[in-house]
PDB file of N, CA and C in Angstrom:
ATOM      1  N   MET A   1      97.140 100.352  97.339  1.00  0.00           N
ATOM      2  CA  MET A   1      97.519 101.674  97.178  1.00  0.00           C
ATOM      3  C   MET A   1      98.119 102.099  98.344  1.00  0.00           C
ATOM      4  N   THR A   2      99.168 103.083  98.601  1.00  0.00           N
ATOM      5  CA  THR A   2     100.085 103.548  99.112  1.00  0.00           C
ATOM      6  C   THR A   2      99.884 105.139  99.205  1.00  0.00           C
ATOM      7  N   ALA A   3      99.653 105.439 100.924  1.00  0.00           N
ATOM      8  CA  ALA A   3      99.966 107.362 101.034  1.00  0.00           C
ATOM      9  C   ALA A   3     101.721 106.978 101.393  1.00  0.00           C
ATOM     10  N   GLU A   4     102.446 107.844 100.831  1.00  0.00           N
ATOM     11  CA  GLU A   4     103.517 107.076 100.496  1.00  0.00           C
ATOM     12  C   GLU A   4     103.926 108.864 101.744  1.00  0.00           C
ATOM     13  N   ARG A   5     103.614 109.418 102.405  1.00  0.00           N
ATOM     14  CA  ARG A   5     104.522 110.575 103.265  1.00  0.00           C
ATOM     15  C   ARG A   5     103.375 111.630 103.557  1.00  0.00           C
ATOM     16  N   VAL A   6     103.610 112.628 105.071  1.00  0.00           N
ATOM     17  CA  VAL A   6     102.897 113.383 105.161  1.00  0.00           C
ATOM     18  C   VAL A   6     104.067 114.766 105.056  1.00  0.00           C
ATOM     19  N   ASN A   7     103.058 115.505 103.785  1.00  0.00           N
ATOM     20  CA  ASN A   7     103.830 116.534 102.743  1.00  0.00           C
ATOM     21  C   ASN A   7     103.688 117.748 103.547  1.00  0.00           C
ATOM     22  N   ASP A   8     104.289 119.150 103.561  1.00  0.00           N
ATOM     23  CA  ASP A   8     104.105 120.122 104.317  1.00  0.00           C
ATOM     24  C   ASP A   8     103.204 120.867 103.001  1.00  0.00           C
ATOM     25  N   ALA A   9     102.052 122.309 103.602  1.00  0.00           N
ATOM     26  CA  ALA A   9     101.056 122.315 102.515  1.00  0.00           C
ATOM     27  C   ALA A   9     101.588 122.878 100.667  1.00  0.00           C
ATOM     28  N   ASP A  10     102.588 122.985 100.803  1.00  0.00           N
ATOM     29  CA  ASP A  10     103.053 124.197  99.196  1.00  0.00           C
ATOM     30  C   ASP A  10     103.460 122.301  98.255  1.00  0.00           C
ATOM     31  N   MET A  11     103.554 120.849  99.002  1.00  0.00           N
ATOM     32  CA  MET A  11     103.911 119.914  97.892  1.00  0.00           C
ATOM     33  C   MET A  11     103.018 118.857  97.544  1.00  0.00           C
ATOM     34  N   PRO A  12     102.280 118.681  96.555  1.00  0.00           N
ATOM     35  CA  PRO A  12     101.350 117.731  96.571  1.00  0.00           C
ATOM     36  C   PRO A  12     101.422 116.299  96.853  1.00  0.00           C
ATOM     37  N   GLU A  13     100.302 115.925  97.378  1.00  0.00           N
ATOM     38  CA  GLU A  13     100.603 114.576  98.021  1.00  0.00           C
ATOM     39  C   GLU A  13     100.734 113.116  96.711  1.00  0.00           C
ATOM     40  N   VAL A  14     101.151 111.755  96.889  1.00  0.00           N
ATOM     41  CA  VAL A  14     101.077 111.311  95.608  1.00  0.00           C
ATOM     42  C   VAL A  14     100.972 109.993  96.557  1.00  0.00           C
ATOM     43  N   LEU A  15     100.638 109.517  96.219  1.00  0.00           N
ATOM     44  CA  LEU A  15     100.012 107.621  96.423  1.00  0.00           C
ATOM     45  C   LEU A  15     100.180 107.471  95.089  1.00  0.00           C
ATOM     46  N   THR A  16     100.381 105.325  96.087  1.00  0.00           N
ATOM     47  CA  THR A  16     100.869 104.513  94.389  1.00  0.00           C
ATOM     48  C   THR A  16      99.805 103.570  94.708  1.00  0.00           C
ATOM     49  N   LEU A  17      99.516 104.110  93.349  1.00  0.00           N
ATOM     50  CA  LEU A  17      98.669 103.214  92.237  1.00  0.00           C
ATOM     51  C   LEU A  17      99.487 101.906  91.626  1.00  0.00           C
ATOM     52  N   THR A  18      98.611 100.419  92.069  1.00  0.00           N
ATOM     53  CA  THR A  18      99.314  99.499  91.164  1.00  0.00           C
ATOM     54  C   THR A  18      97.734  99.516  89.896  1.00  0.00           C
ATOM     55  N   SER A  19      99.100  99.304  88.990  1.00  0.00           N
ATOM     56  CA  SER A  19      98.109  98.844  87.311  1.00  0.00           C
ATOM     57  C   SER A  19      97.740  97.988  86.967  1.00  0.00           C
ATOM     58  N   VAL A  20      97.007  97.379  87.023  1.00  0.00           N
ATOM     59  CA  VAL A  20      95.801  96.401  86.500  1.00  0.00           C
ATOM     60  C   VAL A  20      96.828  96.081  84.839  1.00  0.00           C
ATOM     61  N   ILE A  21      97.120  96.925  84.015  1.00  0.00           N
ATOM     62  CA  ILE A  21      97.524  96.932  82.362  1.00  0.00           C
ATOM     63  C   ILE A  21      99.114  96.483  82.809  1.00  0.00           C
ATOM     64  N   ASP A  22      99.646  96.972  83.899  1.00  0.00           N
ATOM     65  CA  ASP A  22     101.440  96.862  83.601  1.00  0.00           C
ATOM     66  C   ASP A  22     101.909  96.071  84.983  1.00  0.00           C
ATOM     67  N   SER A  23     101.211  95.697  86.530  1.00  0.00           N
ATOM     68  CA  SER A  23     101.330  95.160  87.589  1.00  0.00           C
ATOM     69  C   SER A  23     102.111  96.246  87.808  1.00  0.00           C
ATOM     70  N   ARG A  24     102.662  97.670  88.234  1.00  0.00           N
ATOM     71  CA  ARG A  24     103.625  98.173  88.429  1.00  0.00           C
ATOM     72  C   ARG A  24     103.155  99.293  89.855  1.00  0.00           C
ATOM     73  N   ALA A  25     103.629  99.958  90.153  1.00  0.00           N
ATOM     74  CA  ALA A  25     103.006 100.619  91.594  1.00  0.00           C
ATOM     75  C   ALA A  25     103.613 102.227  90.835  1.00  0.00           C
ATOM     76  N   HIS A  26     102.741 102.849  90.316  1.00  0.00           N
ATOM     77  CA  HIS A  26     102.367 103.668  89.765  1.00  0.00           C
ATOM     78  C   HIS A  26     102.400 104.536  90.382  1.00  0.00           C
ATOM     79  N   LYS A  27     102.268 106.057  90.936  1.00  0.00           N
ATOM     80  CA  LYS A  27     102.826 107.810  91.834  1.00  0.00           C
ATOM     81  C   LYS A  27     102.061 108.551  91.230  1.00  0.00           C
ATOM     82  N   VAL A  28     100.568 108.503  92.152  1.00  0.00           N
ATOM     83  CA  VAL A  28     100.204 109.560  91.386  1.00  0.00           C
ATOM     84  C   VAL A  28      99.537 110.448  92.587  1.00  0.00           C
ATOM     85  N   THR A  29      99.219 112.235  91.968  1.00  0.00           N
ATOM     86  CA  THR A  29      98.957 112.944  92.595  1.00  0.00           C
ATOM     87  C   THR A  29      97.009 113.281  92.811  1.00  0.00           C
ATOM     88  N   ASP A  30      97.216 113.774  94.825  1.00  0.00           N
ATOM     89  CA  ASP A  30      96.546 113.564  95.082  1.00  0.00           C
ATOM     90  C   ASP A  30      94.799 114.820  94.099  1.00  0.00           C
ATOM     91  N   SER A  31      95.409 115.682  93.177  1.00  0.00           N
ATOM     92  CA  SER A  31      94.597 116.535  92.237  1.00  0.00           C
ATOM     93  C   SER A  31      94.256 115.939  91.020  1.00  0.00           C
ATOM     94  N   GLU A  32      95.322 114.702  91.214  1.00  0.00           N
ATOM     95  CA  GLU A  32      94.389 113.490  89.539  1.00  0.00           C
ATOM     96  C   GLU A  32      93.640 112.984  89.686  1.00  0.00           C
ATOM     97  N   LEU A  33      93.867 112.799  91.485  1.00  0.00           N
ATOM     98  CA  LEU A  33      92.561 111.167  92.001  1.00  0.00           C
ATOM     99  C   LEU A  33      91.417 112.187  91.996  1.00  0.00           C
ATOM    100  N   CYS A  34      91.428 112.925  91.645  1.00  0.00           N
ATOM    101  CA  CYS A  34      90.502 113.400  92.566  1.00  0.00           C
ATOM    102  C   CYS A  34      89.152 114.899  91.183  1.00  0.00           C
ATOM    103  N   ALA A  35      90.180 114.807  89.824  1.00  0.00           N
ATOM    104  CA  ALA A  35      89.857 115.605  88.836  1.00  0.00           C
ATOM    105  C   ALA A  35      89.076 114.274  87.754  1.00  0.00           C
ATOM    106  N   PRO A  36      87.964 116.257  87.558  1.00  0.00           N
ATOM    107  CA  PRO A  36      86.519 115.336  86.970  1.00  0.00           C
ATOM    108  C   PRO A  36      87.182 114.282  85.966  1.00  0.00           C
ATOM    109  N   HIS A  37      87.944 114.386  84.834  1.00  0.00           N
ATOM    110  CA  HIS A  37      88.280 112.921  83.747  1.00  0.00           C
ATOM    111  C   HIS A  37      88.104 112.158  84.206  1.00  0.00           C
ATOM    112  N   ALA A  38      89.323 112.488  84.997  1.00  0.00           N
ATOM    113  CA  ALA A  38      90.102 110.429  85.732  1.00  0.00           C
ATOM    114  C   ALA A  38      88.981 109.950  86.859  1.00  0.00           C
ATOM    115  N   MET A  39      87.837 110.644  87.671  1.00  0.00           N
ATOM    116  CA  MET A  39      86.830 110.282  88.263  1.00  0.00           C
ATOM    117  C   MET A  39      85.782 109.946  87.317  1.00  0.00           C
ATOM    118  N   ARG A  40      85.611 109.745  85.949  1.00  0.00           N
ATOM    119  CA  ARG A  40      84.355 109.632  85.020  1.00  0.00           C
ATOM    120  C   ARG A  40      85.103 108.559  84.348  1.00  0.00           C
ATOM    121  N   ASN A  41      86.248 108.042  83.937  1.00  0.00           N
ATOM    122  CA  ASN A  41      86.632 107.220  83.429  1.00  0.00           C
ATOM    123  C   ASN A  41      87.678 105.937  83.714  1.00  0.00           C
ATOM    124  N   GLY A  42      87.962 105.982  85.358  1.00  0.00           N
ATOM    125  CA  GLY A  42      88.845 105.721  86.759  1.00  0.00           C
ATOM    126  C   GLY A  42      90.155 105.052  86.192  1.00  0.00           C
ATOM    127  N   ARG A  43      90.349 106.134  85.207  1.00  0.00           N
ATOM    128  CA  ARG A  43      92.378 106.026  85.067  1.00  0.00           C
ATOM    129  C   ARG A  43      92.581 106.574  85.183  1.00  0.00           C
ATOM    130  N   TYR A  44      93.412 107.543  85.522  1.00  0.00           N
ATOM    131  CA  TYR A  44      94.436 108.138  86.856  1.00  0.00           C
ATOM    132  C   TYR A  44      95.344 108.436  85.821  1.00  0.00           C
ATOM    133  N   ALA A  45      96.230 109.575  86.112  1.00  0.00           N
ATOM    134  CA  ALA A  45      97.696 109.324  85.011  1.00  0.00           C
ATOM    135  C   ALA A  45      98.585 109.536  86.103  1.00  0.00           C
ATOM    136  N   ALA A  46      99.964 108.903  85.778  1.00  0.00           N
ATOM    137  CA  ALA A  46     100.685 108.844  86.910  1.00  0.00           C
ATOM    138  C   ALA A  46     101.758 110.103  86.715  1.00  0.00           C
ATOM    139  N   LEU A  47     102.773 109.767  87.575  1.00  0.00           N
ATOM    140  CA  LEU A  47     104.074 111.130  86.604  1.00  0.00           C
ATOM    141  C   LEU A  47     104.416 110.738  85.664  1.00  0.00           C
ATOM    142  N   CYS A  48     104.752 109.380  85.078  1.00  0.00           N
ATOM    143  CA  CYS A  48     105.322 109.142  84.425  1.00  0.00           C
ATOM    144  C   CYS A  48     104.987 109.420  82.831  1.00  0.00           C
ATOM    145  N   GLY A  49     103.228 109.711  83.133  1.00  0.00           N
ATOM    146  CA  GLY A  49     102.192 109.516  82.003  1.00  0.00           C
ATOM    147  C   GLY A  49     101.267 108.645  81.426  1.00  0.00           C
ATOM    148  N   HIS A  50     101.794 107.171  82.804  1.00  0.00           N
ATOM    149  CA  HIS A  50     100.871 106.159  81.606  1.00  0.00           C
ATOM    150  C   HIS A  50      99.516 106.065  82.487  1.00  0.00           C
ATOM    151  N   LEU A  51      98.672 105.616  82.237  1.00  0.00           N
ATOM    152  CA  LEU A  51      97.213 106.023  82.270  1.00  0.00           C
ATOM    153  C   LEU A  51      96.901 105.091  83.244  1.00  0.00           C
ATOM    154  N   VAL A  52      96.920 104.795  84.174  1.00  0.00           N
ATOM    155  CA  VAL A  52      96.615 103.711  85.534  1.00  0.00           C
ATOM    156  C   VAL A  52      94.978 103.178  85.456  1.00  0.00           C
ATOM    157  N   SER A  53      95.019 101.995  85.142  1.00  0.00           N
ATOM    158  CA  SER A  53      93.980 101.328  86.058  1.00  0.00           C
ATOM    159  C   SER A  53      93.832 101.020  86.446  1.00  0.00           C
ATOM    160  N   PRO A  54      93.307 101.321  88.208  1.00  0.00           N
ATOM    161  CA  PRO A  54      94.264 100.743  89.105  1.00  0.00           C
ATOM    162  C   PRO A  54      93.510  99.044  89.472  1.00  0.00           C
ATOM    163  N   ALA A  55      94.452  97.767  89.982  1.00  0.00           N
ATOM    164  CA  ALA A  55      93.973  97.043  90.976  1.00  0.00           C
ATOM    165  C   ALA A  55      93.255  97.141  92.303  1.00  0.00           C
ATOM    166  N   PRO A  56      92.579  96.058  92.303  1.00  0.00           N
ATOM    167  CA  PRO A  56      91.845  95.873  93.706  1.00  0.00           C
ATOM    168  C   PRO A  56      93.047  96.307  94.732  1.00  0.00           C
ATOM    169  N   LEU A  57      92.350  97.814  95.531  1.00  0.00           N
ATOM    170  CA  LEU A  57      93.471  98.328  96.346  1.00  0.00           C
ATOM    171  C   LEU A  57      93.654  97.180  97.680  1.00  0.00           C
ATOM    172  N   ILE A  58      92.999  96.543  97.666  1.00  0.00           N
ATOM    173  CA  ILE A  58      93.489  95.193  99.013  1.00  0.00           C
ATOM    174  C   ILE A  58      94.391  94.346  98.444  1.00  0.00           C
ATOM    175  N   GLU A  59      94.863  94.663  97.548  1.00  0.00           N
ATOM    176  CA  GLU A  59      96.009  93.905  97.425  1.00  0.00           C
ATOM    177  C   GLU A  59      97.736  95.060  97.322  1.00  0.00           C
ATOM    178  N   ALA A  60      98.986  93.611  97.210  1.00  0.00           N
ATOM    179  CA  ALA A  60      99.578  94.612  97.934  1.00  0.00           C
ATOM    180  C   ALA A  60     100.383  95.101  96.349  1.00  0.00           C
ATOM    181  N   ASP A  61     101.045  96.170  97.087  1.00  0.00           N
ATOM    182  CA  ASP A  61     101.647  97.156  95.730  1.00  0.00           C
ATOM    183  C   ASP A  61     102.497  96.180  94.285  1.00  0.00           C
ATOM    184  N   GLY A  62     103.202  96.652  93.406  1.00  0.00           N
ATOM    185  CA  GLY A  62     103.081  95.432  93.145  1.00  0.00           C
ATOM    186  C   GLY A  62     105.103  96.217  92.810  1.00  0.00           C
ATOM    187  N   ALA A  63     105.512  96.214  91.620  1.00  0.00           N
ATOM    188  CA  ALA A  63     106.995  96.828  91.666  1.00  0.00           C
ATOM    189  C   ALA A  63     106.729  97.923  91.424  1.00  0.00           C
ATOM    190  N   PRO A  64     107.641  99.006  91.489  1.00  0.00           N
ATOM    191  CA  PRO A  64     108.015 100.431  91.562  1.00  0.00           C
ATOM    192  C   PRO A  64     108.175 100.798  90.144  1.00  0.00           C
ATOM    193  N   CYS A  65     107.685 101.813  89.512  1.00  0.00           N
ATOM    194  CA  CYS A  65     107.739 102.871  87.797  1.00  0.00           C
ATOM    195  C   CYS A  65     109.118 103.276  88.334  1.00  0.00           C
ATOM    196  N   ALA A  66     109.879 103.068  87.506  1.00  0.00           N
ATOM    197  CA  ALA A  66     111.544 103.873  88.215  1.00  0.00           C
ATOM    198  C   ALA A  66     111.376 105.260  87.401  1.00  0.00           C
ATOM    199  N   ARG A  67     110.173 104.832  86.409  1.00  0.00           N
ATOM    200  CA  ARG A  67     109.900 106.672  86.101  1.00  0.00           C
ATOM    201  C   ARG A  67     109.412 107.445  86.922  1.00  0.00           C
ATOM    202  N   CYS A  68     108.047 107.056  87.825  1.00  0.00           N
ATOM    203  CA  CYS A  68     108.061 108.408  88.652  1.00  0.00           C
ATOM    204  C   CYS A  68     108.050 107.951  90.568  1.00  0.00           C
ATOM    205  N   VAL A  69     109.173 106.952  90.134  1.00  0.00           N
ATOM    206  CA  VAL A  69     110.021 107.295  91.487  1.00  0.00           C
ATOM    207  C   VAL A  69     111.299 108.733  91.153  1.00  0.00           C
ATOM    208  N   GLN A  70     111.424 108.801  90.390  1.00  0.00           N
ATOM    209  CA  GLN A  70     112.280 109.533  89.133  1.00  0.00           C
ATOM    210  C   GLN A  70     111.639 111.386  89.761  1.00  0.00           C
ATOM    211  N   LEU A  71     110.101 110.781  88.772  1.00  0.00           N
ATOM    212  CA  LEU A  71     109.548 112.329  88.918  1.00  0.00           C
ATOM    213  C   LEU A  71     109.259 112.270  90.267  1.00  0.00           C
ATOM    214  N   ASP A  72     109.271 112.331  91.230  1.00  0.00           N
ATOM    215  CA  ASP A  72     108.909 112.132  92.485  1.00  0.00           C
ATOM    216  C   ASP A  72     108.820 113.041  93.315  1.00  0.00           C
ATOM    217  N   PRO A  73     107.700 114.111  93.638  1.00  0.00           N
ATOM    218  CA  PRO A  73     108.549 115.617  93.871  1.00  0.00           C
ATOM    219  C   PRO A  73     108.775 115.806  95.091  1.00  0.00           C
ATOM    220  N   THR A  74     108.057 114.690  96.010  1.00  0.00           N
ATOM    221  CA  THR A  74     108.289 114.227  97.406  1.00  0.00           C
ATOM    222  C   THR A  74     109.382 114.052  97.786  1.00  0.00           C
ATOM    223  N   PRO A  75     109.720 114.648  99.312  1.00  0.00           N
ATOM    224  CA  PRO A  75     111.288 114.258  99.909  1.00  0.00           C
ATOM    225  C   PRO A  75     110.668 112.308 100.673  1.00  0.00           C
ATOM    226  N   PRO A  76     112.245 112.026 100.172  1.00  0.00           N
ATOM    227  CA  PRO A  76     111.798 110.820 101.048  1.00  0.00           C
ATOM    228  C   PRO A  76     111.107 110.602 102.416  1.00  0.00           C
ATOM    229  N   ALA A  77     110.649 109.743 102.703  1.00  0.00           N
ATOM    230  CA  ALA A  77     110.125 109.722 103.924  1.00  0.00           C
ATOM    231  C   ALA A  77     111.685 108.915 104.746  1.00  0.00           C
ATOM    232  N   THR A  78     111.753 109.279 105.644  1.00  0.00           N
ATOM    233  CA  THR A  78     112.241 109.495 107.032  1.00  0.00           C
ATOM    234  C   THR A  78     111.822 107.617 107.751  1.00  0.00           C
ATOM    235  N   PRO A  79     111.571 106.566 108.135  1.00  0.00           N
ATOM    236  CA  PRO A  79     111.546 105.741 109.106  1.00  0.00           C
ATOM    237  C   PRO A  79     111.210 106.484 110.900  1.00  0.00           C
ATOM    238  N   PRO A  80     110.459 106.441 111.050  1.00  0.00           N
ATOM    239  CA  PRO A  80     110.459 106.902 112.316  1.00  0.00           C
ATOM    240  C   PRO A  80     111.390 106.111 113.709  1.00  0.00           C
ATOM    241  N   ARG A  81     111.626 107.727 114.379  1.00  0.00           N
ATOM    242  CA  ARG A  81     112.802 106.072 115.442  1.00  0.00           C
ATOM    243  C   ARG A  81     112.103 106.569 116.773  1.00  0.00           C
ATOM    244  N   ARG A  82     112.582 105.077 116.507  1.00  0.00           N
ATOM    245  CA  ARG A  82     112.261 104.112 117.751  1.00  0.00           C
ATOM    246  C   ARG A  82     112.802 104.112 119.251  1.00  0.00           C
ATOM    247  N   PRO A  83     111.756 105.394 120.013  1.00  0.00           N
ATOM    248  CA  PRO A  83     111.693 105.425 121.168  1.00  0.00           C
ATOM    249  C   PRO A  83     112.841 104.879 122.062  1.00  0.00           C
ATOM    250  N   ARG A  84     113.619 105.816 122.970  1.00  0.00           N
ATOM    251  CA  ARG A  84     115.485 105.330 123.407  1.00  0.00           C
ATOM    252  C   ARG A  84     115.185 104.348 124.725  1.00  0.00           C
ATOM    253  N   ARG A  85     114.907 103.324 125.336  1.00  0.00           N
ATOM    254  CA  ARG A  85     114.566 102.667 126.276  1.00  0.00           C
ATOM    255  C   ARG A  85     115.116 102.727 127.605  1.00  0.00           C
ATOM    256  N   ARG A  86     114.870 103.481 128.148  1.00  0.00           N
ATOM    257  CA  ARG A  86     115.501 104.662 130.028  1.00  0.00           C
ATOM    258  C   ARG A  86     115.468 103.421 130.948  1.00  0.00           C
ATOM    259  N   GLY A  87     116.019 103.171 131.529  1.00  0.00           N
ATOM    260  CA  GLY A  87     115.688 102.618 133.035  1.00  0.00           C
ATOM    261  C   GLY A  87     115.994 101.093 132.907  1.00  0.00           C
ATOM    262  N   TRP A  88     116.738 100.246 132.410  1.00  0.00           N
ATOM    263  CA  TRP A  88     117.744  99.203 131.935  1.00  0.00           C
ATOM    264  C   TRP A  88     118.540  98.675 132.931  1.00  0.00           C
ATOM    265  N   GLY A  89     119.506  99.851 133.741  1.00  0.00           N
ATOM    266  CA  GLY A  89     120.179  99.396 134.077  1.00  0.00           C
ATOM    267  C   GLY A  89     120.439  99.221 135.879  1.00  0.00           C
ATOM    268  N   LEU A  90     119.330 100.692 136.036  1.00  0.00           N
ATOM    269  CA  LEU A  90     118.759 100.965 137.311  1.00  0.00           C
ATOM    270  C   LEU A  90     118.307  99.805 137.817  1.00  0.00           C
ATOM    271  N   ARG A  91     117.694  98.755 136.978  1.00  0.00           N
ATOM    272  CA  ARG A  91     116.446  97.917 137.120  1.00  0.00           C
ATOM    273  C   ARG A  91     117.497  96.213 137.256  1.00  0.00           C
ATOM    274  N   ARG A  92     118.072  96.629 136.804  1.00  0.00           N
ATOM    275  CA  ARG A  92     118.764  95.576 137.108  1.00  0.00           C
ATOM    276  C   ARG A  92     120.376  95.324 138.345  1.00  0.00           C
ATOM    277  N   LEU A  93     120.461  96.843 138.769  1.00  0.00           N
ATOM    278  CA  LEU A  93     120.870  97.284 139.790  1.00  0.00           C
ATOM    279  C   LEU A  93     119.983  96.387 140.601  1.00  0.00           C
ATOM    280  N   LEU A  94     118.872  96.856 141.247  1.00  0.00           N
ATOM    281  CA  LEU A  94     118.312  96.573 142.254  1.00  0.00           C
ATOM    282  C   LEU A  94     117.350  95.497 141.966  1.00  0.00           C
ATOM    283  N   ALA A  95     117.555  94.649 141.219  1.00  0.00           N
ATOM    284  CA  ALA A  95     117.083  93.681 141.472  1.00  0.00           C
ATOM    285  C   ALA A  95     116.985  93.047 142.268  1.00  0.00           C
ATOM    286  N   VAL A  96     115.620  91.884 142.764  1.00  0.00           N
ATOM    287  CA  VAL A  96     115.716  91.009 143.957  1.00  0.00           C
ATOM    288  C   VAL A  96     115.893  89.733 143.626  1.00  0.00           C
TER     289      VAL A  96
END
């Protein structure tokens, strides 16, 4: 299971669950994970319509489901920027 990104309040939270049936990583909304019908039988409806029986959550995600990627309503995550390292030039000039 992978939490994709932090969203605004109006966007649904989308998580990735790998299915034991087809070994693909499907995208499931947080509201679907909390739905009573899904909690009773342990199967969750993915964005593509596939019913996901989740694999153990300690396993790595499978290959992504192409249809789920197309239907994902959340914007793509931007990688965090590495902080700029400052002061290396001055340290080099003042080295003893």
